[in-house]
Structures are given as structure tokens and as C-alpha cells.
Amino acid sequence: MTTDTAADTDTEPSDEPVAVSGAEQLDDLLASHDVVLVDFYADWCGPCKMLEPVVERLAAETDAIVAKVDVDANQQLASDYGVRGVPTLVLFADGTQVEEVVGVQPEDQLRSLVASHT
């Protein structure tokens, strides 16, 4: 029975941010979900820590999949997306990058950004 429950939750949108450990995992998320918000962050980054509760709420309360990429552990991936500062939030719709914002943003602005593509 536990296996069936686990299989069911894998098909449902995640209500928590998904930790991305590499380009292949990010590519899979982009291919399998309509709207993906990617938070490029660093553990040592104060503004990233300030933004974390907002990112968690967006994951729980919107239809978008929210992914988190640690730029220290995934330097090449961050470089591939032109991340020069953290936090950087990149929004994808249908696998295509449609928005990018750098720095801490108000929650209502991020919600509007996600809503405009869902």
C-alpha cells in the first residue's frame, strides 16, 4: 500500500521546492511541467535566506513547480543560465525561459509573474 501512495504523490505537483542537483534533472522538470520557477541560490546568501519562505509559499500555493538550484554545488548550471548574482529567479513556461529577476522581490510581484504564465 505504501508503494501505491508514493507512486501517486510522484504524479502530483509538488507543494515543496524541488532541489535540483544538475542540468539533467532541471531539463526533466522543464520537459514535464508547464510552468517552472527556478530559484538559483547560495546557502551563505542573506537575501536568499530572506526569500526562502516566499519561495516555499509559492511552491505550496501556485500551480508552478518551484525548483531550487544551489549555485555553489551547480556552478556550470548557474553559468549556463547566466546567473551572476543570487538570488536569481528564472521562470520557464512550456520549457522556454520567459522571465528572470535578480534579488529579493515582493511576494505579490512573484505571484503575479507566475500567474501570468499559468
PDB file of N, CA and C in Angstrom:
ATOM      1  N   MET A   1       0.814  -1.190   0.000  1.00  0.00           N
ATOM      2  CA  MET A   1       0.000   0.000   0.000  1.00  0.00           C
ATOM      3  C   MET A   1       0.859   1.256   0.000  1.00  0.00           C
ATOM      4  N   THR A   2       1.916   1.273   0.750  1.00  0.00           N
ATOM      5  CA  THR A   2       2.781   2.444   0.804  1.00  0.00           C
ATOM      6  C   THR A   2       3.362   2.755  -0.568  1.00  0.00           C
ATOM      7  N   THR A   3       3.691   1.732  -1.322  1.00  0.00           N
ATOM      8  CA  THR A   3       4.244   1.932  -2.657  1.00  0.00           C
ATOM      9  C   THR A   3       3.250   2.647  -3.556  1.00  0.00           C
ATOM     10  N   ASP A   4       1.958   2.270  -3.490  1.00  0.00           N
ATOM     11  CA  ASP A   4       0.938   2.925  -4.299  1.00  0.00           C
ATOM     12  C   ASP A   4       0.828   4.404  -3.946  1.00  0.00           C
ATOM     13  N   THR A   5       0.850   4.715  -2.646  1.00  0.00           N
ATOM     14  CA  THR A   5       0.761   6.099  -2.203  1.00  0.00           C
ATOM     15  C   THR A   5       1.943   6.901  -2.714  1.00  0.00           C
ATOM     16  N   ALA A   6       3.132   6.339  -2.631  1.00  0.00           N
ATOM     17  CA  ALA A   6       4.324   7.031  -3.120  1.00  0.00           C
ATOM     18  C   ALA A   6       4.228   7.272  -4.623  1.00  0.00           C
ATOM     19  N   ALA A   7       3.716   6.299  -5.353  1.00  0.00           N
ATOM     20  CA  ALA A   7       3.568   6.462  -6.799  1.00  0.00           C
ATOM     21  C   ALA A   7       2.566   7.568  -7.114  1.00  0.00           C
ATOM     22  N   ASP A   8       1.497   7.658  -6.327  1.00  0.00           N
ATOM     23  CA  ASP A   8       0.502   8.698  -6.551  1.00  0.00           C
ATOM     24  C   ASP A   8       1.074  10.084  -6.306  1.00  0.00           C
ATOM     25  N   THR A   9       1.896  10.244  -5.278  1.00  0.00           N
ATOM     26  CA  THR A   9       2.436  11.564  -4.974  1.00  0.00           C
ATOM     27  C   THR A   9       3.463  12.000  -6.003  1.00  0.00           C
ATOM     28  N   ASP A  10       4.105  11.066  -6.684  1.00  0.00           N
ATOM     29  CA  ASP A  10       5.075  11.426  -7.711  1.00  0.00           C
ATOM     30  C   ASP A  10       4.414  12.108  -8.901  1.00  0.00           C
ATOM     31  N   THR A  11       3.147  11.804  -9.164  1.00  0.00           N
ATOM     32  CA  THR A  11       2.470  12.378 -10.311  1.00  0.00           C
ATOM     33  C   THR A  11       1.805  13.709  -9.976  1.00  0.00           C
ATOM     34  N   GLU A  12       1.646  14.035  -8.734  1.00  0.00           N
ATOM     35  CA  GLU A  12       1.017  15.277  -8.317  1.00  0.00           C
ATOM     36  C   GLU A  12       2.049  16.400  -8.301  1.00  0.00           C
ATOM     37  N   PRO A  13       1.604  17.646  -8.544  1.00  0.00           N
ATOM     38  CA  PRO A  13       2.529  18.774  -8.414  1.00  0.00           C
ATOM     39  C   PRO A  13       3.073  18.838  -6.994  1.00  0.00           C
ATOM     40  N   SER A  14       4.320  19.187  -6.883  1.00  0.00           N
ATOM     41  CA  SER A  14       4.969  19.252  -5.582  1.00  0.00           C
ATOM     42  C   SER A  14       4.532  20.511  -4.859  1.00  0.00           C
ATOM     43  N   ASP A  15       4.256  20.386  -3.556  1.00  0.00           N
ATOM     44  CA  ASP A  15       3.919  21.575  -2.787  1.00  0.00           C
ATOM     45  C   ASP A  15       5.128  22.072  -1.997  1.00  0.00           C
ATOM     46  N   GLU A  16       6.285  21.543  -2.314  1.00  0.00           N
ATOM     47  CA  GLU A  16       7.552  21.994  -1.732  1.00  0.00           C
ATOM     48  C   GLU A  16       8.535  22.214  -2.874  1.00  0.00           C
ATOM     49  N   PRO A  17       9.490  23.125  -2.668  1.00  0.00           N
ATOM     50  CA  PRO A  17      10.515  23.303  -3.707  1.00  0.00           C
ATOM     51  C   PRO A  17      11.275  21.999  -3.955  1.00  0.00           C
ATOM     52  N   VAL A  18      11.632  21.775  -5.214  1.00  0.00           N
ATOM     53  CA  VAL A  18      12.377  20.587  -5.619  1.00  0.00           C
ATOM     54  C   VAL A  18      13.850  20.966  -5.715  1.00  0.00           C
ATOM     55  N   ALA A  19      14.691  20.276  -4.954  1.00  0.00           N
ATOM     56  CA  ALA A  19      16.134  20.524  -5.022  1.00  0.00           C
ATOM     57  C   ALA A  19      16.675  19.906  -6.302  1.00  0.00           C
ATOM     58  N   VAL A  20      17.307  20.729  -7.130  1.00  0.00           N
ATOM     59  CA  VAL A  20      17.851  20.274  -8.410  1.00  0.00           C
ATOM     60  C   VAL A  20      19.340  20.049  -8.242  1.00  0.00           C
ATOM     61  N   SER A  21      19.781  18.856  -8.655  1.00  0.00           N
ATOM     62  CA  SER A  21      21.188  18.507  -8.463  1.00  0.00           C
ATOM     63  C   SER A  21      21.991  18.493  -9.758  1.00  0.00           C
ATOM     64  N   GLY A  22      21.390  18.965 -10.851  1.00  0.00           N
ATOM     65  CA  GLY A  22      22.141  19.008 -12.097  1.00  0.00           C
ATOM     66  C   GLY A  22      21.278  19.365 -13.282  1.00  0.00           C
ATOM     67  N   ALA A  23      21.945  19.572 -14.420  1.00  0.00           N
ATOM     68  CA  ALA A  23      21.263  20.005 -15.642  1.00  0.00           C
ATOM     69  C   ALA A  23      20.229  18.991 -16.108  1.00  0.00           C
ATOM     70  N   GLU A  24      20.541  17.709 -16.015  1.00  0.00           N
ATOM     71  CA  GLU A  24      19.604  16.685 -16.490  1.00  0.00           C
ATOM     72  C   GLU A  24      18.308  16.717 -15.692  1.00  0.00           C
ATOM     73  N   GLN A  25      18.417  16.866 -14.387  1.00  0.00           N
ATOM     74  CA  GLN A  25      17.214  16.922 -13.547  1.00  0.00           C
ATOM     75  C   GLN A  25      16.394  18.180 -13.873  1.00  0.00           C
ATOM     76  N   LEU A  26      17.052  19.317 -14.080  1.00  0.00           N
ATOM     77  CA  LEU A  26      16.336  20.535 -14.442  1.00  0.00           C
ATOM     78  C   LEU A  26      15.660  20.370 -15.804  1.00  0.00           C
ATOM     79  N   ASP A  27      16.368  19.798 -16.760  1.00  0.00           N
ATOM     80  CA  ASP A  27      15.787  19.554 -18.082  1.00  0.00           C
ATOM     81  C   ASP A  27      14.537  18.679 -17.988  1.00  0.00           C
ATOM     82  N   ASP A  28      14.585  17.654 -17.129  1.00  0.00           N
ATOM     83  CA  ASP A  28      13.427  16.775 -16.941  1.00  0.00           C
ATOM     84  C   ASP A  28      12.237  17.549 -16.367  1.00  0.00           C
ATOM     85  N   LEU A  29      12.496  18.419 -15.389  1.00  0.00           N
ATOM     86  CA  LEU A  29      11.423  19.230 -14.815  1.00  0.00           C
ATOM     87  C   LEU A  29      10.807  20.149 -15.866  1.00  0.00           C
ATOM     88  N   LEU A  30      11.668  20.781 -16.658  1.00  0.00           N
ATOM     89  CA  LEU A  30      11.183  21.708 -17.685  1.00  0.00           C
ATOM     90  C   LEU A  30      10.366  20.981 -18.747  1.00  0.00           C
ATOM     91  N   ALA A  31      10.763  19.741 -19.065  1.00  0.00           N
ATOM     92  CA  ALA A  31      10.058  18.962 -20.088  1.00  0.00           C
ATOM     93  C   ALA A  31       8.724  18.421 -19.582  1.00  0.00           C
ATOM     94  N   SER A  32       8.603  18.191 -18.284  1.00  0.00           N
ATOM     95  CA  SER A  32       7.413  17.521 -17.771  1.00  0.00           C
ATOM     96  C   SER A  32       6.408  18.443 -17.077  1.00  0.00           C
ATOM     97  N   HIS A  33       6.714  19.747 -16.982  1.00  0.00           N
ATOM     98  CA  HIS A  33       5.796  20.684 -16.319  1.00  0.00           C
ATOM     99  C   HIS A  33       5.646  21.946 -17.161  1.00  0.00           C
ATOM    100  N   ASP A  34       4.440  22.490 -17.166  1.00  0.00           N
ATOM    101  CA  ASP A  34       4.156  23.677 -17.974  1.00  0.00           C
ATOM    102  C   ASP A  34       4.886  24.916 -17.463  1.00  0.00           C
ATOM    103  N   VAL A  35       4.838  25.139 -16.150  1.00  0.00           N
ATOM    104  CA  VAL A  35       5.443  26.337 -15.569  1.00  0.00           C
ATOM    105  C   VAL A  35       6.387  25.916 -14.449  1.00  0.00           C
ATOM    106  N   VAL A  36       7.638  26.371 -14.552  1.00  0.00           N
ATOM    107  CA  VAL A  36       8.658  26.049 -13.557  1.00  0.00           C
ATOM    108  C   VAL A  36       9.350  27.341 -13.153  1.00  0.00           C
ATOM    109  N   LEU A  37       9.391  27.601 -11.866  1.00  0.00           N
ATOM    110  CA  LEU A  37      10.121  28.735 -11.308  1.00  0.00           C
ATOM    111  C   LEU A  37      11.387  28.189 -10.664  1.00  0.00           C
ATOM    112  N   VAL A  38      12.546  28.640 -11.136  1.00  0.00           N
ATOM    113  CA  VAL A  38      13.819  28.138 -10.627  1.00  0.00           C
ATOM    114  C   VAL A  38      14.477  29.224  -9.781  1.00  0.00           C
ATOM    115  N   ASP A  39      14.788  28.874  -8.553  1.00  0.00           N
ATOM    116  CA  ASP A  39      15.458  29.762  -7.610  1.00  0.00           C
ATOM    117  C   ASP A  39      16.930  29.363  -7.555  1.00  0.00           C
ATOM    118  N   PHE A  40      17.796  30.175  -8.169  1.00  0.00           N
ATOM    119  CA  PHE A  40      19.241  29.981  -8.055  1.00  0.00           C
ATOM    120  C   PHE A  40      19.676  30.699  -6.787  1.00  0.00           C
ATOM    121  N   TYR A  41      20.229  29.958  -5.838  1.00  0.00           N
ATOM    122  CA  TYR A  41      20.532  30.499  -4.515  1.00  0.00           C
ATOM    123  C   TYR A  41      21.877  29.984  -4.020  1.00  0.00           C
ATOM    124  N   ALA A  42      22.317  30.537  -2.875  1.00  0.00           N
ATOM    125  CA  ALA A  42      23.504  30.031  -2.175  1.00  0.00           C
ATOM    126  C   ALA A  42      23.184  29.994  -0.687  1.00  0.00           C
ATOM    127  N   ASP A  43      23.704  28.995   0.004  1.00  0.00           N
ATOM    128  CA  ASP A  43      23.435  28.852   1.436  1.00  0.00           C
ATOM    129  C   ASP A  43      23.963  30.032   2.245  1.00  0.00           C
ATOM    130  N   TRP A  44      25.048  30.650   1.802  1.00  0.00           N
ATOM    131  CA  TRP A  44      25.669  31.754   2.528  1.00  0.00           C
ATOM    132  C   TRP A  44      25.025  33.105   2.245  1.00  0.00           C
ATOM    133  N   CYS A  45      24.060  33.140   1.347  1.00  0.00           N
ATOM    134  CA  CYS A  45      23.457  34.383   0.859  1.00  0.00           C
ATOM    135  C   CYS A  45      22.316  34.841   1.766  1.00  0.00           C
ATOM    136  N   GLY A  46      22.480  35.993   2.410  1.00  0.00           N
ATOM    137  CA  GLY A  46      21.440  36.546   3.273  1.00  0.00           C
ATOM    138  C   GLY A  46      20.134  36.814   2.549  1.00  0.00           C
ATOM    139  N   PRO A  47      20.168  37.517   1.411  1.00  0.00           N
ATOM    140  CA  PRO A  47      18.918  37.752   0.677  1.00  0.00           C
ATOM    141  C   PRO A  47      18.229  36.444   0.247  1.00  0.00           C
ATOM    142  N   CYS A  48      19.013  35.418  -0.058  1.00  0.00           N
ATOM    143  CA  CYS A  48      18.428  34.115  -0.426  1.00  0.00           C
ATOM    144  C   CYS A  48      17.639  33.546   0.752  1.00  0.00           C
ATOM    145  N   LYS A  49      18.187  33.698   1.954  1.00  0.00           N
ATOM    146  CA  LYS A  49      17.504  33.209   3.149  1.00  0.00           C
ATOM    147  C   LYS A  49      16.224  33.994   3.399  1.00  0.00           C
ATOM    148  N   MET A  50      16.250  35.301   3.093  1.00  0.00           N
ATOM    149  CA  MET A  50      15.052  36.129   3.247  1.00  0.00           C
ATOM    150  C   MET A  50      13.968  35.697   2.267  1.00  0.00           C
ATOM    151  N   LEU A  51      14.372  35.286   1.081  1.00  0.00           N
ATOM    152  CA  LEU A  51      13.434  34.910   0.028  1.00  0.00           C
ATOM    153  C   LEU A  51      12.894  33.486   0.207  1.00  0.00           C
ATOM    154  N   GLU A  52      13.585  32.661   0.959  1.00  0.00           N
ATOM    155  CA  GLU A  52      13.221  31.248   1.084  1.00  0.00           C
ATOM    156  C   GLU A  52      11.770  31.011   1.504  1.00  0.00           C
ATOM    157  N   PRO A  53      11.233  31.704   2.528  1.00  0.00           N
ATOM    158  CA  PRO A  53       9.823  31.457   2.887  1.00  0.00           C
ATOM    159  C   PRO A  53       8.859  31.810   1.761  1.00  0.00           C
ATOM    160  N   VAL A  54       9.174  32.837   0.982  1.00  0.00           N
ATOM    161  CA  VAL A  54       8.337  33.232  -0.150  1.00  0.00           C
ATOM    162  C   VAL A  54       8.348  32.124  -1.201  1.00  0.00           C
ATOM    163  N   VAL A  55       9.525  31.607  -1.494  1.00  0.00           N
ATOM    164  CA  VAL A  55       9.665  30.536  -2.485  1.00  0.00           C
ATOM    165  C   VAL A  55       8.888  29.298  -2.027  1.00  0.00           C
ATOM    166  N   GLU A  56       8.962  28.986  -0.744  1.00  0.00           N
ATOM    167  CA  GLU A  56       8.231  27.834  -0.211  1.00  0.00           C
ATOM    168  C   GLU A  56       6.718  28.036  -0.325  1.00  0.00           C
ATOM    169  N   ARG A  57       6.237  29.255  -0.052  1.00  0.00           N
ATOM    170  CA  ARG A  57       4.801  29.520  -0.199  1.00  0.00           C
ATOM    171  C   ARG A  57       4.367  29.423  -1.654  1.00  0.00           C
ATOM    172  N   LEU A  58       5.185  29.936  -2.561  1.00  0.00           N
ATOM    173  CA  LEU A  58       4.850  29.837  -3.984  1.00  0.00           C
ATOM    174  C   LEU A  58       4.742  28.379  -4.410  1.00  0.00           C
ATOM    175  N   ALA A  59       5.638  27.547  -3.914  1.00  0.00           N
ATOM    176  CA  ALA A  59       5.591  26.120  -4.241  1.00  0.00           C
ATOM    177  C   ALA A  59       4.303  25.491  -3.722  1.00  0.00           C
ATOM    178  N   ALA A  60       3.892  25.891  -2.535  1.00  0.00           N
ATOM    179  CA  ALA A  60       2.712  25.293  -1.912  1.00  0.00           C
ATOM    180  C   ALA A  60       1.404  25.837  -2.470  1.00  0.00           C
ATOM    181  N   GLU A  61       1.405  27.091  -2.933  1.00  0.00           N
ATOM    182  CA  GLU A  61       0.140  27.761  -3.229  1.00  0.00           C
ATOM    183  C   GLU A  61      -0.084  28.098  -4.700  1.00  0.00           C
ATOM    184  N   THR A  62       0.857  27.783  -5.574  1.00  0.00           N
ATOM    185  CA  THR A  62       0.649  28.050  -7.001  1.00  0.00           C
ATOM    186  C   THR A  62       0.719  26.750  -7.785  1.00  0.00           C
ATOM    187  N   ASP A  63       0.331  26.810  -9.048  1.00  0.00           N
ATOM    188  CA  ASP A  63       0.381  25.633  -9.911  1.00  0.00           C
ATOM    189  C   ASP A  63       1.773  25.387 -10.473  1.00  0.00           C
ATOM    190  N   ALA A  64       2.676  26.350 -10.292  1.00  0.00           N
ATOM    191  CA  ALA A  64       4.036  26.195 -10.815  1.00  0.00           C
ATOM    192  C   ALA A  64       4.830  25.202  -9.970  1.00  0.00           C
ATOM    193  N   ILE A  65       5.743  24.507 -10.631  1.00  0.00           N
ATOM    194  CA  ILE A  65       6.734  23.719  -9.921  1.00  0.00           C
ATOM    195  C   ILE A  65       7.854  24.683  -9.546  1.00  0.00           C
ATOM    196  N   VAL A  66       8.296  24.650  -8.316  1.00  0.00           N
ATOM    197  CA  VAL A  66       9.375  25.515  -7.871  1.00  0.00           C
ATOM    198  C   VAL A  66      10.604  24.646  -7.638  1.00  0.00           C
ATOM    199  N   ALA A  67      11.689  25.017  -8.306  1.00  0.00           N
ATOM    200  CA  ALA A  67      12.949  24.277  -8.182  1.00  0.00           C
ATOM    201  C   ALA A  67      13.988  25.179  -7.556  1.00  0.00           C
ATOM    202  N   LYS A  68      14.878  24.586  -6.779  1.00  0.00           N
ATOM    203  CA  LYS A  68      15.967  25.331  -6.159  1.00  0.00           C
ATOM    204  C   LYS A  68      17.293  24.755  -6.651  1.00  0.00           C
ATOM    205  N   VAL A  69      18.177  25.660  -7.099  1.00  0.00           N
ATOM    206  CA  VAL A  69      19.491  25.263  -7.584  1.00  0.00           C
ATOM    207  C   VAL A  69      20.547  25.957  -6.735  1.00  0.00           C
ATOM    208  N   ASP A  70      21.332  25.182  -6.016  1.00  0.00           N
ATOM    209  CA  ASP A  70      22.446  25.709  -5.225  1.00  0.00           C
ATOM    210  C   ASP A  70      23.575  26.050  -6.196  1.00  0.00           C
ATOM    211  N   VAL A  71      23.884  27.343  -6.331  1.00  0.00           N
ATOM    212  CA  VAL A  71      24.871  27.757  -7.321  1.00  0.00           C
ATOM    213  C   VAL A  71      26.279  27.285  -6.987  1.00  0.00           C
ATOM    214  N   ASP A  72      26.560  27.064  -5.704  1.00  0.00           N
ATOM    215  CA  ASP A  72      27.882  26.557  -5.329  1.00  0.00           C
ATOM    216  C   ASP A  72      28.065  25.108  -5.753  1.00  0.00           C
ATOM    217  N   ALA A  73      27.016  24.318  -5.627  1.00  0.00           N
ATOM    218  CA  ALA A  73      27.083  22.905  -5.996  1.00  0.00           C
ATOM    219  C   ALA A  73      26.861  22.690  -7.495  1.00  0.00           C
ATOM    220  N   ASN A  74      26.286  23.685  -8.165  1.00  0.00           N
ATOM    221  CA  ASN A  74      25.948  23.562  -9.587  1.00  0.00           C
ATOM    222  C   ASN A  74      26.448  24.785 -10.358  1.00  0.00           C
ATOM    223  N   GLN A  75      27.743  25.048 -10.262  1.00  0.00           N
ATOM    224  CA  GLN A  75      28.317  26.245 -10.875  1.00  0.00           C
ATOM    225  C   GLN A  75      28.123  26.277 -12.390  1.00  0.00           C
ATOM    226  N   GLN A  76      28.282  25.140 -13.048  1.00  0.00           N
ATOM    227  CA  GLN A  76      28.131  25.117 -14.502  1.00  0.00           C
ATOM    228  C   GLN A  76      26.691  25.401 -14.908  1.00  0.00           C
ATOM    229  N   LEU A  77      25.750  24.828 -14.180  1.00  0.00           N
ATOM    230  CA  LEU A  77      24.335  25.059 -14.479  1.00  0.00           C
ATOM    231  C   LEU A  77      23.994  26.538 -14.299  1.00  0.00           C
ATOM    232  N   ALA A  78      24.463  27.138 -13.213  1.00  0.00           N
ATOM    233  CA  ALA A  78      24.229  28.568 -12.987  1.00  0.00           C
ATOM    234  C   ALA A  78      24.862  29.384 -14.106  1.00  0.00           C
ATOM    235  N   SER A  79      26.040  29.019 -14.519  1.00  0.00           N
ATOM    236  CA  SER A  79      26.720  29.708 -15.614  1.00  0.00           C
ATOM    237  C   SER A  79      25.948  29.571 -16.920  1.00  0.00           C
ATOM    238  N   ASP A  80      25.420  28.380 -17.176  1.00  0.00           N
ATOM    239  CA  ASP A  80      24.649  28.136 -18.397  1.00  0.00           C
ATOM    240  C   ASP A  80      23.439  29.065 -18.501  1.00  0.00           C
ATOM    241  N   TYR A  81      22.870  29.447 -17.360  1.00  0.00           N
ATOM    242  CA  TYR A  81      21.707  30.329 -17.352  1.00  0.00           C
ATOM    243  C   TYR A  81      22.085  31.790 -17.088  1.00  0.00           C
ATOM    244  N   GLY A  82      23.379  32.088 -17.100  1.00  0.00           N
ATOM    245  CA  GLY A  82      23.832  33.465 -16.970  1.00  0.00           C
ATOM    246  C   GLY A  82      23.634  34.062 -15.595  1.00  0.00           C
ATOM    247  N   VAL A  83      23.586  33.217 -14.572  1.00  0.00           N
ATOM    248  CA  VAL A  83      23.393  33.711 -13.215  1.00  0.00           C
ATOM    249  C   VAL A  83      24.679  34.381 -12.744  1.00  0.00           C
ATOM    250  N   ARG A  84      24.572  35.660 -12.421  1.00  0.00           N
ATOM    251  CA  ARG A  84      25.732  36.431 -11.963  1.00  0.00           C
ATOM    252  C   ARG A  84      25.600  36.857 -10.513  1.00  0.00           C
ATOM    253  N   GLY A  85      24.390  36.813 -10.000  1.00  0.00           N
ATOM    254  CA  GLY A  85      24.137  37.178  -8.614  1.00  0.00           C
ATOM    255  C   GLY A  85      23.023  36.318  -8.061  1.00  0.00           C
ATOM    256  N   VAL A  86      22.999  36.203  -6.745  1.00  0.00           N
ATOM    257  CA  VAL A  86      21.955  35.414  -6.094  1.00  0.00           C
ATOM    258  C   VAL A  86      21.236  36.293  -5.083  1.00  0.00           C
ATOM    259  N   PRO A  87      19.952  36.074  -4.902  1.00  0.00           N
ATOM    260  CA  PRO A  87      19.130  35.092  -5.611  1.00  0.00           C
ATOM    261  C   PRO A  87      18.753  35.568  -7.023  1.00  0.00           C
ATOM    262  N   THR A  88      18.690  34.622  -7.935  1.00  0.00           N
ATOM    263  CA  THR A  88      18.166  34.853  -9.274  1.00  0.00           C
ATOM    264  C   THR A  88      17.025  33.875  -9.477  1.00  0.00           C
ATOM    265  N   LEU A  89      15.865  34.404  -9.864  1.00  0.00           N
ATOM    266  CA  LEU A  89      14.698  33.571 -10.126  1.00  0.00           C
ATOM    267  C   LEU A  89      14.430  33.586 -11.618  1.00  0.00           C
ATOM    268  N   VAL A  90      14.349  32.388 -12.202  1.00  0.00           N
ATOM    269  CA  VAL A  90      14.103  32.248 -13.633  1.00  0.00           C
ATOM    270  C   VAL A  90      12.799  31.486 -13.798  1.00  0.00           C
ATOM    271  N   LEU A  91      11.892  32.062 -14.592  1.00  0.00           N
ATOM    272  CA  LEU A  91      10.598  31.439 -14.838  1.00  0.00           C
ATOM    273  C   LEU A  91      10.579  30.855 -16.242  1.00  0.00           C
ATOM    274  N   PHE A  92      10.149  29.606 -16.320  1.00  0.00           N
ATOM    275  CA  PHE A  92      10.027  28.901 -17.592  1.00  0.00           C
ATOM    276  C   PHE A  92       8.562  28.574 -17.839  1.00  0.00           C
ATOM    277  N   ALA A  93       8.113  28.755 -19.063  1.00  0.00           N
ATOM    278  CA  ALA A  93       6.773  28.350 -19.484  1.00  0.00           C
ATOM    279  C   ALA A  93       6.937  27.490 -20.726  1.00  0.00           C
ATOM    280  N   ASP A  94       6.390  26.292 -20.663  1.00  0.00           N
ATOM    281  CA  ASP A  94       6.494  25.335 -21.768  1.00  0.00           C
ATOM    282  C   ASP A  94       7.943  25.100 -22.176  1.00  0.00           C
ATOM    283  N   GLY A  95       8.831  25.029 -21.181  1.00  0.00           N
ATOM    284  CA  GLY A  95      10.240  24.718 -21.430  1.00  0.00           C
ATOM    285  C   GLY A  95      11.092  25.885 -21.886  1.00  0.00           C
ATOM    286  N   THR A  96      10.489  27.063 -22.056  1.00  0.00           N
ATOM    287  CA  THR A  96      11.212  28.231 -22.544  1.00  0.00           C
ATOM    288  C   THR A  96      11.343  29.267 -21.434  1.00  0.00           C
ATOM    289  N   GLN A  97      12.525  29.840 -21.292  1.00  0.00           N
ATOM    290  CA  GLN A  97      12.720  30.888 -20.302  1.00  0.00           C
ATOM    291  C   GLN A  97      11.935  32.122 -20.725  1.00  0.00           C
ATOM    292  N   VAL A  98      11.059  32.606 -19.822  1.00  0.00           N
ATOM    293  CA  VAL A  98      10.213  33.749 -20.151  1.00  0.00           C
ATOM    294  C   VAL A  98      10.477  34.960 -19.255  1.00  0.00           C
ATOM    295  N   GLU A  99      11.045  34.756 -18.094  1.00  0.00           N
ATOM    296  CA  GLU A  99      11.310  35.860 -17.169  1.00  0.00           C
ATOM    297  C   GLU A  99      12.548  35.547 -16.342  1.00  0.00           C
ATOM    298  N   GLU A 100      13.209  36.611 -15.879  1.00  0.00           N
ATOM    299  CA  GLU A 100      14.327  36.474 -14.943  1.00  0.00           C
ATOM    300  C   GLU A 100      14.338  37.697 -14.049  1.00  0.00           C
ATOM    301  N   VAL A 101      14.414  37.469 -12.742  1.00  0.00           N
ATOM    302  CA  VAL A 101      14.526  38.563 -11.789  1.00  0.00           C
ATOM    303  C   VAL A 101      15.686  38.266 -10.844  1.00  0.00           C
ATOM    304  N   VAL A 102      16.416  39.312 -10.501  1.00  0.00           N
ATOM    305  CA  VAL A 102      17.572  39.169  -9.620  1.00  0.00           C
ATOM    306  C   VAL A 102      17.310  39.941  -8.343  1.00  0.00           C
ATOM    307  N   GLY A 103      17.631  39.315  -7.225  1.00  0.00           N
ATOM    308  CA  GLY A 103      17.451  39.961  -5.934  1.00  0.00           C
ATOM    309  C   GLY A 103      16.123  39.588  -5.307  1.00  0.00           C
ATOM    310  N   VAL A 104      15.945  40.027  -4.074  1.00  0.00           N
ATOM    311  CA  VAL A 104      14.714  39.755  -3.345  1.00  0.00           C
ATOM    312  C   VAL A 104      13.595  40.568  -3.977  1.00  0.00           C
ATOM    313  N   GLN A 105      12.492  39.900  -4.263  1.00  0.00           N
ATOM    314  CA  GLN A 105      11.322  40.528  -4.869  1.00  0.00           C
ATOM    315  C   GLN A 105      10.135  40.369  -3.925  1.00  0.00           C
ATOM    316  N   PRO A 106       9.200  41.321  -3.960  1.00  0.00           N
ATOM    317  CA  PRO A 106       7.986  41.174  -3.141  1.00  0.00           C
ATOM    318  C   PRO A 106       7.201  39.936  -3.561  1.00  0.00           C
ATOM    319  N   GLU A 107       6.601  39.286  -2.584  1.00  0.00           N
ATOM    320  CA  GLU A 107       5.850  38.053  -2.865  1.00  0.00           C
ATOM    321  C   GLU A 107       4.740  38.284  -3.876  1.00  0.00           C
ATOM    322  N   ASP A 108       4.016  39.405  -3.769  1.00  0.00           N
ATOM    323  CA  ASP A 108       2.921  39.638  -4.704  1.00  0.00           C
ATOM    324  C   ASP A 108       3.424  39.805  -6.136  1.00  0.00           C
ATOM    325  N   GLN A 109       4.601  40.377  -6.300  1.00  0.00           N
ATOM    326  CA  GLN A 109       5.173  40.511  -7.649  1.00  0.00           C
ATOM    327  C   GLN A 109       5.512  39.133  -8.233  1.00  0.00           C
ATOM    328  N   LEU A 110       6.103  38.266  -7.403  1.00  0.00           N
ATOM    329  CA  LEU A 110       6.437  36.916  -7.870  1.00  0.00           C
ATOM    330  C   LEU A 110       5.182  36.108  -8.173  1.00  0.00           C
ATOM    331  N   ARG A 111       4.149  36.256  -7.345  1.00  0.00           N
ATOM    332  CA  ARG A 111       2.876  35.568  -7.600  1.00  0.00           C
ATOM    333  C   ARG A 111       2.295  36.018  -8.947  1.00  0.00           C
ATOM    334  N   SER A 112       2.331  37.313  -9.206  1.00  0.00           N
ATOM    335  CA  SER A 112       1.798  37.850 -10.464  1.00  0.00           C
ATOM    336  C   SER A 112       2.594  37.307 -11.647  1.00  0.00           C
ATOM    337  N   LEU A 113       3.902  37.225 -11.486  1.00  0.00           N
ATOM    338  CA  LEU A 113       4.761  36.713 -12.534  1.00  0.00           C
ATOM    339  C   LEU A 113       4.389  35.270 -12.874  1.00  0.00           C
ATOM    340  N   VAL A 114       4.246  34.451 -11.840  1.00  0.00           N
ATOM    341  CA  VAL A 114       3.868  33.046 -12.040  1.00  0.00           C
ATOM    342  C   VAL A 114       2.461  32.963 -12.634  1.00  0.00           C
ATOM    343  N   ALA A 115       1.534  33.740 -12.092  1.00  0.00           N
ATOM    344  CA  ALA A 115       0.142  33.690 -12.551  1.00  0.00           C
ATOM    345  C   ALA A 115       0.004  34.101 -14.005  1.00  0.00           C
ATOM    346  N   SER A 116       0.871  34.982 -14.485  1.00  0.00           N
ATOM    347  CA  SER A 116       0.769  35.440 -15.857  1.00  0.00           C
ATOM    348  C   SER A 116       1.150  34.351 -16.867  1.00  0.00           C
ATOM    349  N   HIS A 117       1.706  33.247 -16.371  1.00  0.00           N
ATOM    350  CA  HIS A 117       2.113  32.158 -17.278  1.00  0.00           C
ATOM    351  C   HIS A 117       1.433  30.837 -16.944  1.00  0.00           C
ATOM    352  N   THR A 118       0.510  30.832 -15.965  1.00  0.00           N
ATOM    353  CA  THR A 118      -0.188  29.592 -15.635  1.00  0.00           C
ATOM    354  C   THR A 118      -1.595  29.600 -16.188  1.00  0.00           C
TER     355      THR A 118
END
